[in-house]
Amino acid sequence: EPGEPGGRDGHWSFDAPADFPDGLSIDHFVGAKLAERGLSMSPP
């Protein structure tokens, strides 16, 4: 709550974004969701 001591510390909108696991990129997560639905990446 605004105005309370320490009120900003736990709020989700001010949390630092989490890093991707080593060796992974956004393509890994997109590919995983596509695979769940029986889809694949478009060809080059």
PDB file of all heavy atoms in Angstrom:
ATOM      1  N   GLU A   1       0.828  -1.190   0.000  1.00  0.00           N
ATOM      2  CA  GLU A   1       0.000   0.000   0.000  1.00  0.00           C
ATOM      3  C   GLU A   1       0.871   1.252   0.000  1.00  0.00           C
ATOM      4  O   GLU A   1       1.833   1.346   0.761  1.00  0.00           O
ATOM      5  CB  GLU A   1      -0.931   0.032   1.226  1.00  0.00           C
ATOM      6  CG  GLU A   1      -2.028  -1.013   1.204  1.00  0.00           C
ATOM      7  CD  GLU A   1      -1.545  -2.387   1.634  1.00  0.00           C
ATOM      8  OE1 GLU A   1      -0.345  -2.520   1.870  1.00  0.00           O
ATOM      9  OE2 GLU A   1      -2.388  -3.297   1.733  1.00  0.00           O
ATOM     10  N   PRO A   2       0.555   2.215  -0.854  1.00  0.00           N
ATOM     11  CA  PRO A   2       1.320   3.457  -0.851  1.00  0.00           C
ATOM     12  C   PRO A   2       1.267   4.111   0.523  1.00  0.00           C
ATOM     13  O   PRO A   2       0.226   4.122   1.182  1.00  0.00           O
ATOM     14  CB  PRO A   2       0.609   4.321  -1.895  1.00  0.00           C
ATOM     15  CG  PRO A   2      -0.114   3.340  -2.762  1.00  0.00           C
ATOM     16  CD  PRO A   2      -0.512   2.220  -1.852  1.00  0.00           C
ATOM     17  N   GLY A   3       2.387   4.668   0.917  1.00  0.00           N
ATOM     18  CA  GLY A   3       2.431   5.375   2.187  1.00  0.00           C
ATOM     19  C   GLY A   3       2.880   4.511   3.340  1.00  0.00           C
ATOM     20  O   GLY A   3       3.287   5.022   4.377  1.00  0.00           O
ATOM     21  N   GLU A   4       2.803   3.175   3.228  1.00  0.00           N
ATOM     22  CA  GLU A   4       3.254   2.313   4.310  1.00  0.00           C
ATOM     23  C   GLU A   4       4.752   2.079   4.209  1.00  0.00           C
ATOM     24  O   GLU A   4       5.298   1.984   3.111  1.00  0.00           O
ATOM     25  CB  GLU A   4       2.526   0.963   4.262  1.00  0.00           C
ATOM     26  CG  GLU A   4       1.076   1.050   4.702  1.00  0.00           C
ATOM     27  CD  GLU A   4       0.486  -0.323   4.938  1.00  0.00           C
ATOM     28  OE1 GLU A   4       1.254  -1.304   4.813  1.00  0.00           O
ATOM     29  OE2 GLU A   4      -0.699  -0.415   5.239  1.00  0.00           O
ATOM     30  N   PRO A   5       5.449   1.982   5.312  1.00  0.00           N
ATOM     31  CA  PRO A   5       6.888   1.713   5.265  1.00  0.00           C
ATOM     32  C   PRO A   5       7.177   0.421   4.506  1.00  0.00           C
ATOM     33  O   PRO A   5       6.539  -0.607   4.745  1.00  0.00           O
ATOM     34  CB  PRO A   5       7.264   1.597   6.749  1.00  0.00           C
ATOM     35  CG  PRO A   5       6.199   2.362   7.482  1.00  0.00           C
ATOM     36  CD  PRO A   5       4.946   2.153   6.681  1.00  0.00           C
ATOM     37  N   GLY A   6       8.105   0.484   3.588  1.00  0.00           N
ATOM     38  CA  GLY A   6       8.469  -0.711   2.819  1.00  0.00           C
ATOM     39  C   GLY A   6       7.417  -1.151   1.844  1.00  0.00           C
ATOM     40  O   GLY A   6       7.450  -2.278   1.353  1.00  0.00           O
ATOM     41  N   GLY A   7       6.461  -0.286   1.547  1.00  0.00           N
ATOM     42  CA  GLY A   7       5.351  -0.666   0.699  1.00  0.00           C
ATOM     43  C   GLY A   7       5.746  -0.993  -0.722  1.00  0.00           C
ATOM     44  O   GLY A   7       4.989  -1.614  -1.450  1.00  0.00           O
ATOM     45  N   ARG A   8       6.910  -0.558  -1.193  1.00  0.00           N
ATOM     46  CA  ARG A   8       7.303  -0.799  -2.570  1.00  0.00           C
ATOM     47  C   ARG A   8       8.042  -2.119  -2.743  1.00  0.00           C
ATOM     48  O   ARG A   8       8.166  -2.613  -3.854  1.00  0.00           O
ATOM     49  CB  ARG A   8       8.209   0.335  -3.058  1.00  0.00           C
ATOM     50  CG  ARG A   8       7.551   1.695  -2.995  1.00  0.00           C
ATOM     51  CD  ARG A   8       8.607   2.781  -3.114  1.00  0.00           C
ATOM     52  NE  ARG A   8       8.028   4.090  -2.783  1.00  0.00           N
ATOM     53  CZ  ARG A   8       7.518   4.921  -3.664  1.00  0.00           C
ATOM     54  NH1 ARG A   8       7.512   4.607  -4.922  1.00  0.00           N
ATOM     55  NH2 ARG A   8       7.008   6.077  -3.300  1.00  0.00           N
ATOM     56  N   ASP A   9       8.552  -2.667  -1.633  1.00  0.00           N
ATOM     57  CA  ASP A   9       9.506  -3.772  -1.764  1.00  0.00           C
ATOM     58  C   ASP A   9       8.907  -5.020  -2.384  1.00  0.00           C
ATOM     59  O   ASP A   9       9.557  -5.684  -3.187  1.00  0.00           O
ATOM     60  CB  ASP A   9      10.099  -4.107  -0.389  1.00  0.00           C
ATOM     61  CG  ASP A   9      10.895  -2.938   0.182  1.00  0.00           C
ATOM     62  OD1 ASP A   9      11.318  -2.078  -0.631  1.00  0.00           O
ATOM     63  OD2 ASP A   9      11.088  -2.890   1.402  1.00  0.00           O
ATOM     64  N   GLY A  10       7.682  -5.355  -2.026  1.00  0.00           N
ATOM     65  CA  GLY A  10       7.141  -6.619  -2.490  1.00  0.00           C
ATOM     66  C   GLY A  10       6.247  -6.539  -3.701  1.00  0.00           C
ATOM     67  O   GLY A  10       5.659  -7.535  -4.102  1.00  0.00           O
ATOM     68  N   HIS A  11       6.100  -5.370  -4.289  1.00  0.00           N
ATOM     69  CA  HIS A  11       5.146  -5.219  -5.374  1.00  0.00           C
ATOM     70  C   HIS A  11       5.706  -5.784  -6.660  1.00  0.00           C
ATOM     71  O   HIS A  11       6.834  -5.480  -7.067  1.00  0.00           O
ATOM     72  CB  HIS A  11       4.779  -3.743  -5.545  1.00  0.00           C
ATOM     73  CG  HIS A  11       3.510  -3.536  -6.322  1.00  0.00           C
ATOM     74  ND1 HIS A  11       3.483  -3.447  -7.674  1.00  0.00           N
ATOM     75  CD2 HIS A  11       2.217  -3.434  -5.912  1.00  0.00           C
ATOM     76  CE1 HIS A  11       2.244  -3.276  -8.096  1.00  0.00           C
ATOM     77  NE2 HIS A  11       1.452  -3.261  -7.027  1.00  0.00           N
ATOM     78  N   TRP A  12       4.912  -6.585  -7.360  1.00  0.00           N
ATOM     79  CA  TRP A  12       5.398  -7.303  -8.533  1.00  0.00           C
ATOM     80  C   TRP A  12       5.911  -6.381  -9.630  1.00  0.00           C
ATOM     81  O   TRP A  12       6.845  -6.719 -10.355  1.00  0.00           O
ATOM     82  CB  TRP A  12       4.292  -8.201  -9.105  1.00  0.00           C
ATOM     83  CG  TRP A  12       3.101  -7.429  -9.629  1.00  0.00           C
ATOM     84  CD1 TRP A  12       1.978  -7.118  -8.937  1.00  0.00           C
ATOM     85  CD2 TRP A  12       2.956  -6.850 -10.926  1.00  0.00           C
ATOM     86  NE1 TRP A  12       1.113  -6.389  -9.717  1.00  0.00           N
ATOM     87  CE2 TRP A  12       1.687  -6.209 -10.956  1.00  0.00           C
ATOM     88  CE3 TRP A  12       3.748  -6.822 -12.074  1.00  0.00           C
ATOM     89  CZ2 TRP A  12       1.220  -5.546 -12.070  1.00  0.00           C
ATOM     90  CZ3 TRP A  12       3.279  -6.153 -13.193  1.00  0.00           C
ATOM     91  CH2 TRP A  12       2.027  -5.527 -13.182  1.00  0.00           C
ATOM     92  N   SER A  13       5.275  -5.163  -9.775  1.00  0.00           N
ATOM     93  CA  SER A  13       5.650  -4.305 -10.894  1.00  0.00           C
ATOM     94  C   SER A  13       7.045  -3.711 -10.745  1.00  0.00           C
ATOM     95  O   SER A  13       7.584  -3.170 -11.706  1.00  0.00           O
ATOM     96  CB  SER A  13       4.626  -3.174 -11.061  1.00  0.00           C
ATOM     97  OG  SER A  13       4.640  -2.315  -9.942  1.00  0.00           O
ATOM     98  N   PHE A  14       7.606  -3.798  -9.533  1.00  0.00           N
ATOM     99  CA  PHE A  14       8.954  -3.268  -9.316  1.00  0.00           C
ATOM    100  C   PHE A  14       9.999  -4.367  -9.152  1.00  0.00           C
ATOM    101  O   PHE A  14      11.150  -4.091  -8.846  1.00  0.00           O
ATOM    102  CB  PHE A  14       8.963  -2.345  -8.090  1.00  0.00           C
ATOM    103  CG  PHE A  14       8.076  -1.147  -8.262  1.00  0.00           C
ATOM    104  CD1 PHE A  14       6.839  -1.087  -7.654  1.00  0.00           C
ATOM    105  CD2 PHE A  14       8.465  -0.072  -9.053  1.00  0.00           C
ATOM    106  CE1 PHE A  14       6.012   0.006  -7.826  1.00  0.00           C
ATOM    107  CE2 PHE A  14       7.644   1.018  -9.228  1.00  0.00           C
ATOM    108  CZ  PHE A  14       6.407   1.072  -8.616  1.00  0.00           C
ATOM    109  N   ASP A  15       9.605  -5.617  -9.352  1.00  0.00           N
ATOM    110  CA  ASP A  15      10.568  -6.717  -9.290  1.00  0.00           C
ATOM    111  C   ASP A  15      11.430  -6.719 -10.538  1.00  0.00           C
ATOM    112  O   ASP A  15      10.948  -6.462 -11.653  1.00  0.00           O
ATOM    113  CB  ASP A  15       9.843  -8.071  -9.182  1.00  0.00           C
ATOM    114  CG  ASP A  15       9.209  -8.257  -7.815  1.00  0.00           C
ATOM    115  OD1 ASP A  15       9.606  -7.526  -6.885  1.00  0.00           O
ATOM    116  OD2 ASP A  15       8.318  -9.112  -7.695  1.00  0.00           O
ATOM    117  N   ALA A  16      12.712  -7.029 -10.375  1.00  0.00           N
ATOM    118  CA  ALA A  16      13.606  -7.137 -11.532  1.00  0.00           C
ATOM    119  C   ALA A  16      13.220  -8.359 -12.347  1.00  0.00           C
ATOM    120  O   ALA A  16      12.869  -9.409 -11.783  1.00  0.00           O
ATOM    121  CB  ALA A  16      15.054  -7.248 -11.061  1.00  0.00           C
ATOM    122  N   PRO A  17      13.279  -8.272 -13.690  1.00  0.00           N
ATOM    123  CA  PRO A  17      12.948  -9.442 -14.509  1.00  0.00           C
ATOM    124  C   PRO A  17      13.962 -10.564 -14.310  1.00  0.00           C
ATOM    125  O   PRO A  17      15.158 -10.311 -14.117  1.00  0.00           O
ATOM    126  CB  PRO A  17      12.995  -8.893 -15.944  1.00  0.00           C
ATOM    127  CG  PRO A  17      13.876  -7.686 -15.863  1.00  0.00           C
ATOM    128  CD  PRO A  17      13.647  -7.101 -14.514  1.00  0.00           C
ATOM    129  N   ALA A  18      13.464 -11.768 -14.353  1.00  0.00           N
ATOM    130  CA  ALA A  18      14.354 -12.929 -14.170  1.00  0.00           C
ATOM    131  C   ALA A  18      15.136 -13.180 -15.452  1.00  0.00           C
ATOM    132  O   ALA A  18      14.635 -12.980 -16.563  1.00  0.00           O
ATOM    133  CB  ALA A  18      13.523 -14.148 -13.811  1.00  0.00           C
ATOM    134  N   ASP A  19      16.390 -13.639 -15.301  1.00  0.00           N
ATOM    135  CA  ASP A  19      17.209 -13.965 -16.458  1.00  0.00           C
ATOM    136  C   ASP A  19      16.775 -15.303 -17.046  1.00  0.00           C
ATOM    137  O   ASP A  19      16.255 -16.183 -16.350  1.00  0.00           O
ATOM    138  CB  ASP A  19      18.686 -14.052 -16.063  1.00  0.00           C
ATOM    139  CG  ASP A  19      19.245 -12.699 -15.647  1.00  0.00           C
ATOM    140  OD1 ASP A  19      18.739 -11.684 -16.155  1.00  0.00           O
ATOM    141  OD2 ASP A  19      20.156 -12.671 -14.810  1.00  0.00           O
ATOM    142  N   PHE A  20      17.008 -15.457 -18.373  1.00  0.00           N
ATOM    143  CA  PHE A  20      16.784 -16.752 -18.997  1.00  0.00           C
ATOM    144  C   PHE A  20      17.803 -17.762 -18.462  1.00  0.00           C
ATOM    145  O   PHE A  20      18.941 -17.391 -18.143  1.00  0.00           O
ATOM    146  CB  PHE A  20      16.945 -16.656 -20.519  1.00  0.00           C
ATOM    147  CG  PHE A  20      15.770 -16.050 -21.217  1.00  0.00           C
ATOM    148  CD1 PHE A  20      15.938 -15.033 -22.127  1.00  0.00           C
ATOM    149  CD2 PHE A  20      14.485 -16.507 -20.958  1.00  0.00           C
ATOM    150  CE1 PHE A  20      14.864 -14.472 -22.789  1.00  0.00           C
ATOM    151  CE2 PHE A  20      13.396 -15.960 -21.615  1.00  0.00           C
ATOM    152  CZ  PHE A  20      13.586 -14.941 -22.523  1.00  0.00           C
ATOM    153  N   PRO A  21      17.418 -19.028 -18.369  1.00  0.00           N
ATOM    154  CA  PRO A  21      18.420 -20.054 -18.012  1.00  0.00           C
ATOM    155  C   PRO A  21      19.566 -20.043 -19.017  1.00  0.00           C
ATOM    156  O   PRO A  21      19.391 -19.695 -20.188  1.00  0.00           O
ATOM    157  CB  PRO A  21      17.612 -21.361 -18.096  1.00  0.00           C
ATOM    158  CG  PRO A  21      16.183 -20.938 -17.917  1.00  0.00           C
ATOM    159  CD  PRO A  21      16.073 -19.577 -18.531  1.00  0.00           C
ATOM    160  N   ASP A  22      20.730 -20.386 -18.556  1.00  0.00           N
ATOM    161  CA  ASP A  22      21.914 -20.364 -19.427  1.00  0.00           C
ATOM    162  C   ASP A  22      21.685 -21.190 -20.689  1.00  0.00           C
ATOM    163  O   ASP A  22      21.160 -22.308 -20.646  1.00  0.00           O
ATOM    164  CB  ASP A  22      23.132 -20.930 -18.671  1.00  0.00           C
ATOM    165  CG  ASP A  22      23.581 -19.997 -17.560  1.00  0.00           C
ATOM    166  OD1 ASP A  22      23.210 -18.815 -17.613  1.00  0.00           O
ATOM    167  OD2 ASP A  22      24.276 -20.460 -16.631  1.00  0.00           O
ATOM    168  N   GLY A  23      22.096 -20.619 -21.810  1.00  0.00           N
ATOM    169  CA  GLY A  23      22.040 -21.349 -23.071  1.00  0.00           C
ATOM    170  C   GLY A  23      20.689 -21.315 -23.755  1.00  0.00           C
ATOM    171  O   GLY A  23      20.536 -21.889 -24.836  1.00  0.00           O
ATOM    172  N   LEU A  24      19.688 -20.665 -23.145  1.00  0.00           N
ATOM    173  CA  LEU A  24      18.360 -20.621 -23.744  1.00  0.00           C
ATOM    174  C   LEU A  24      18.037 -19.217 -24.244  1.00  0.00           C
ATOM    175  O   LEU A  24      18.587 -18.227 -23.767  1.00  0.00           O
ATOM    176  CB  LEU A  24      17.302 -21.057 -22.727  1.00  0.00           C
ATOM    177  CG  LEU A  24      17.413 -22.487 -22.197  1.00  0.00           C
ATOM    178  CD1 LEU A  24      16.298 -22.765 -21.206  1.00  0.00           C
ATOM    179  CD2 LEU A  24      17.372 -23.486 -23.342  1.00  0.00           C
ATOM    180  N   SER A  25      17.150 -19.147 -25.197  1.00  0.00           N
ATOM    181  CA  SER A  25      16.700 -17.860 -25.726  1.00  0.00           C
ATOM    182  C   SER A  25      15.186 -17.882 -25.810  1.00  0.00           C
ATOM    183  O   SER A  25      14.526 -18.891 -25.507  1.00  0.00           O
ATOM    184  CB  SER A  25      17.301 -17.613 -27.114  1.00  0.00           C
ATOM    185  OG  SER A  25      16.738 -18.527 -28.041  1.00  0.00           O
ATOM    186  N   ILE A  26      14.623 -16.793 -26.273  1.00  0.00           N
ATOM    187  CA  ILE A  26      13.171 -16.699 -26.408  1.00  0.00           C
ATOM    188  C   ILE A  26      12.645 -17.750 -27.389  1.00  0.00           C
ATOM    189  O   ILE A  26      11.524 -18.248 -27.244  1.00  0.00           O
ATOM    190  CB  ILE A  26      12.768 -15.265 -26.851  1.00  0.00           C
ATOM    191  CG1 ILE A  26      11.245 -15.084 -26.790  1.00  0.00           C
ATOM    192  CG2 ILE A  26      13.297 -14.955 -28.241  1.00  0.00           C
ATOM    193  CD1 ILE A  26      10.671 -15.122 -25.407  1.00  0.00           C
ATOM    194  N   ASP A  27      13.477 -18.100 -28.371  1.00  0.00           N
ATOM    195  CA  ASP A  27      13.051 -19.108 -29.349  1.00  0.00           C
ATOM    196  C   ASP A  27      12.751 -20.445 -28.682  1.00  0.00           C
ATOM    197  O   ASP A  27      11.884 -21.210 -29.142  1.00  0.00           O
ATOM    198  CB  ASP A  27      14.126 -19.299 -30.426  1.00  0.00           C
ATOM    199  CG  ASP A  27      14.208 -18.104 -31.362  1.00  0.00           C
ATOM    200  OD1 ASP A  27      13.273 -17.280 -31.339  1.00  0.00           O
ATOM    201  OD2 ASP A  27      15.195 -17.989 -32.096  1.00  0.00           O
ATOM    202  N   HIS A  28      13.476 -20.761 -27.602  1.00  0.00           N
ATOM    203  CA  HIS A  28      13.249 -22.025 -26.889  1.00  0.00           C
ATOM    204  C   HIS A  28      11.816 -22.084 -26.362  1.00  0.00           C
ATOM    205  O   HIS A  28      11.128 -23.112 -26.511  1.00  0.00           O
ATOM    206  CB  HIS A  28      14.246 -22.157 -25.741  1.00  0.00           C
ATOM    207  CG  HIS A  28      13.909 -23.253 -24.777  1.00  0.00           C
ATOM    208  ND1 HIS A  28      14.214 -24.581 -25.017  1.00  0.00           N
ATOM    209  CD2 HIS A  28      13.259 -23.235 -23.573  1.00  0.00           C
ATOM    210  CE1 HIS A  28      13.778 -25.323 -24.006  1.00  0.00           C
ATOM    211  NE2 HIS A  28      13.200 -24.517 -23.115  1.00  0.00           N
ATOM    212  N   PHE A  29      11.371 -21.004 -25.764  1.00  0.00           N
ATOM    213  CA  PHE A  29      10.037 -20.999 -25.165  1.00  0.00           C
ATOM    214  C   PHE A  29       8.948 -20.942 -26.242  1.00  0.00           C
ATOM    215  O   PHE A  29       7.900 -21.574 -26.120  1.00  0.00           O
ATOM    216  CB  PHE A  29       9.909 -19.803 -24.215  1.00  0.00           C
ATOM    217  CG  PHE A  29      10.894 -19.849 -23.074  1.00  0.00           C
ATOM    218  CD1 PHE A  29      12.061 -19.117 -23.131  1.00  0.00           C
ATOM    219  CD2 PHE A  29      10.657 -20.650 -21.964  1.00  0.00           C
ATOM    220  CE1 PHE A  29      12.977 -19.170 -22.098  1.00  0.00           C
ATOM    221  CE2 PHE A  29      11.563 -20.711 -20.934  1.00  0.00           C
ATOM    222  CZ  PHE A  29      12.729 -19.968 -20.988  1.00  0.00           C
ATOM    223  N   VAL A  30       9.191 -20.166 -27.329  1.00  0.00           N
ATOM    224  CA  VAL A  30       8.237 -20.132 -28.431  1.00  0.00           C
ATOM    225  C   VAL A  30       8.116 -21.522 -29.052  1.00  0.00           C
ATOM    226  O   VAL A  30       7.013 -22.036 -29.314  1.00  0.00           O
ATOM    227  CB  VAL A  30       8.668 -19.099 -29.494  1.00  0.00           C
ATOM    228  CG1 VAL A  30       7.781 -19.209 -30.730  1.00  0.00           C
ATOM    229  CG2 VAL A  30       8.609 -17.693 -28.916  1.00  0.00           C
ATOM    230  N   GLY A  31       9.283 -22.177 -29.279  1.00  0.00           N
ATOM    231  CA  GLY A  31       9.269 -23.515 -29.871  1.00  0.00           C
ATOM    232  C   GLY A  31       8.543 -24.523 -29.003  1.00  0.00           C
ATOM    233  O   GLY A  31       7.826 -25.397 -29.518  1.00  0.00           O
ATOM    234  N   ALA A  32       8.719 -24.405 -27.687  1.00  0.00           N
ATOM    235  CA  ALA A  32       8.055 -25.345 -26.777  1.00  0.00           C
ATOM    236  C   ALA A  32       6.536 -25.208 -26.857  1.00  0.00           C
ATOM    237  O   ALA A  32       5.813 -26.211 -26.885  1.00  0.00           O
ATOM    238  CB  ALA A  32       8.540 -25.112 -25.349  1.00  0.00           C
ATOM    239  N   LYS A  33       6.041 -23.993 -26.908  1.00  0.00           N
ATOM    240  CA  LYS A  33       4.600 -23.783 -27.000  1.00  0.00           C
ATOM    241  C   LYS A  33       4.053 -24.249 -28.345  1.00  0.00           C
ATOM    242  O   LYS A  33       2.955 -24.811 -28.435  1.00  0.00           O
ATOM    243  CB  LYS A  33       4.273 -22.310 -26.764  1.00  0.00           C
ATOM    244  CG  LYS A  33       4.407 -21.870 -25.310  1.00  0.00           C
ATOM    245  CD  LYS A  33       3.396 -22.606 -24.427  1.00  0.00           C
ATOM    246  CE  LYS A  33       3.488 -22.156 -22.984  1.00  0.00           C
ATOM    247  NZ  LYS A  33       2.546 -22.923 -22.113  1.00  0.00           N
ATOM    248  N   LEU A  34       4.828 -24.022 -29.411  1.00  0.00           N
ATOM    249  CA  LEU A  34       4.397 -24.508 -30.719  1.00  0.00           C
ATOM    250  C   LEU A  34       4.308 -26.028 -30.730  1.00  0.00           C
ATOM    251  O   LEU A  34       3.353 -26.619 -31.276  1.00  0.00           O
ATOM    252  CB  LEU A  34       5.363 -24.028 -31.809  1.00  0.00           C
ATOM    253  CG  LEU A  34       5.325 -22.529 -32.149  1.00  0.00           C
ATOM    254  CD1 LEU A  34       6.448 -22.184 -33.128  1.00  0.00           C
ATOM    255  CD2 LEU A  34       3.986 -22.142 -32.751  1.00  0.00           C
ATOM    256  N   ALA A  35       5.296 -26.672 -30.123  1.00  0.00           N
ATOM    257  CA  ALA A  35       5.314 -28.141 -30.089  1.00  0.00           C
ATOM    258  C   ALA A  35       4.112 -28.687 -29.326  1.00  0.00           C
ATOM    259  O   ALA A  35       3.541 -29.722 -29.699  1.00  0.00           O
ATOM    260  CB  ALA A  35       6.615 -28.628 -29.472  1.00  0.00           C
ATOM    261  N   GLU A  36       3.711 -28.012 -28.248  1.00  0.00           N
ATOM    262  CA  GLU A  36       2.546 -28.440 -27.484  1.00  0.00           C
ATOM    263  C   GLU A  36       1.292 -28.498 -28.354  1.00  0.00           C
ATOM    264  O   GLU A  36       0.380 -29.284 -28.113  1.00  0.00           O
ATOM    265  CB  GLU A  36       2.301 -27.482 -26.310  1.00  0.00           C
ATOM    266  CG  GLU A  36       3.297 -27.617 -25.171  1.00  0.00           C
ATOM    267  CD  GLU A  36       2.981 -26.624 -24.058  1.00  0.00           C
ATOM    268  OE1 GLU A  36       1.889 -25.991 -24.122  1.00  0.00           O
ATOM    269  OE2 GLU A  36       3.800 -26.472 -23.143  1.00  0.00           O
ATOM    270  N   ARG A  37       1.250 -27.647 -29.374  1.00  0.00           N
ATOM    271  CA  ARG A  37       0.075 -27.553 -30.241  1.00  0.00           C
ATOM    272  C   ARG A  37       0.302 -28.215 -31.597  1.00  0.00           C
ATOM    273  O   ARG A  37      -0.463 -28.006 -32.541  1.00  0.00           O
ATOM    274  CB  ARG A  37      -0.302 -26.079 -30.429  1.00  0.00           C
ATOM    275  CG  ARG A  37      -0.821 -25.445 -29.133  1.00  0.00           C
ATOM    276  CD  ARG A  37      -0.816 -23.923 -29.205  1.00  0.00           C
ATOM    277  NE  ARG A  37      -1.444 -23.317 -28.031  1.00  0.00           N
ATOM    278  CZ  ARG A  37      -0.865 -23.220 -26.845  1.00  0.00           C
ATOM    279  NH1 ARG A  37       0.366 -23.697 -26.666  1.00  0.00           N
ATOM    280  NH2 ARG A  37      -1.505 -22.657 -25.839  1.00  0.00           N
ATOM    281  N   GLY A  38       1.374 -28.998 -31.692  1.00  0.00           N
ATOM    282  CA  GLY A  38       1.649 -29.714 -32.931  1.00  0.00           C
ATOM    283  C   GLY A  38       2.105 -28.828 -34.058  1.00  0.00           C
ATOM    284  O   GLY A  38       1.894 -29.156 -35.239  1.00  0.00           O
ATOM    285  N   LEU A  39       2.697 -27.683 -33.742  1.00  0.00           N
ATOM    286  CA  LEU A  39       3.161 -26.739 -34.753  1.00  0.00           C
ATOM    287  C   LEU A  39       4.681 -26.657 -34.740  1.00  0.00           C
ATOM    288  O   LEU A  39       5.338 -27.138 -33.811  1.00  0.00           O
ATOM    289  CB  LEU A  39       2.571 -25.346 -34.501  1.00  0.00           C
ATOM    290  CG  LEU A  39       1.038 -25.244 -34.465  1.00  0.00           C
ATOM    291  CD1 LEU A  39       0.600 -23.847 -34.022  1.00  0.00           C
ATOM    292  CD2 LEU A  39       0.455 -25.571 -35.838  1.00  0.00           C
ATOM    293  N   SER A  40       5.240 -26.045 -35.752  1.00  0.00           N
ATOM    294  CA  SER A  40       6.688 -25.879 -35.825  1.00  0.00           C
ATOM    295  C   SER A  40       7.011 -24.514 -36.397  1.00  0.00           C
ATOM    296  O   SER A  40       6.138 -23.818 -36.931  1.00  0.00           O
ATOM    297  CB  SER A  40       7.304 -26.970 -36.708  1.00  0.00           C
ATOM    298  OG  SER A  40       6.780 -26.894 -38.029  1.00  0.00           O
ATOM    299  N   MET A  41       8.276 -24.137 -36.308  1.00  0.00           N
ATOM    300  CA  MET A  41       8.713 -22.849 -36.836  1.00  0.00           C
ATOM    301  C   MET A  41       8.546 -22.817 -38.361  1.00  0.00           C
ATOM    302  O   MET A  41       8.634 -23.845 -39.031  1.00  0.00           O
ATOM    303  CB  MET A  41      10.192 -22.614 -36.489  1.00  0.00           C
ATOM    304  CG  MET A  41      10.478 -22.500 -35.003  1.00  0.00           C
ATOM    305  SD  MET A  41       9.998 -20.876 -34.376  1.00  0.00           S
ATOM    306  CE  MET A  41      10.779 -20.948 -32.742  1.00  0.00           C
ATOM    307  N   SER A  42       8.333 -21.622 -38.901  1.00  0.00           N
ATOM    308  CA  SER A  42       8.297 -21.462 -40.351  1.00  0.00           C
ATOM    309  C   SER A  42       9.690 -21.716 -40.927  1.00  0.00           C
ATOM    310  O   SER A  42      10.695 -21.477 -40.256  1.00  0.00           O
ATOM    311  CB  SER A  42       7.843 -20.045 -40.720  1.00  0.00           C
ATOM    312  OG  SER A  42       6.537 -19.786 -40.245  1.00  0.00           O
ATOM    313  N   PRO A  43       9.779 -22.174 -42.164  1.00  0.00           N
ATOM    314  CA  PRO A  43      11.098 -22.404 -42.770  1.00  0.00           C
ATOM    315  C   PRO A  43      11.803 -21.086 -43.013  1.00  0.00           C
ATOM    316  O   PRO A  43      11.163 -20.031 -43.081  1.00  0.00           O
ATOM    317  CB  PRO A  43      10.749 -23.098 -44.095  1.00  0.00           C
ATOM    318  CG  PRO A  43       9.362 -22.650 -44.406  1.00  0.00           C
ATOM    319  CD  PRO A  43       8.676 -22.519 -43.077  1.00  0.00           C
ATOM    320  N   PRO A  44      13.122 -21.089 -43.140  1.00  0.00           N
ATOM    321  CA  PRO A  44      13.860 -19.847 -43.422  1.00  0.00           C
ATOM    322  C   PRO A  44      13.370 -19.208 -44.724  1.00  0.00           C
ATOM    323  O   PRO A  44      13.002 -19.898 -45.676  1.00  0.00           O
ATOM    324  CB  PRO A  44      15.316 -20.321 -43.551  1.00  0.00           C
ATOM    325  CG  PRO A  44      15.365 -21.617 -42.808  1.00  0.00           C
ATOM    326  CD  PRO A  44      14.025 -22.252 -43.002  1.00  0.00           C
TER     327      PRO A  44
END
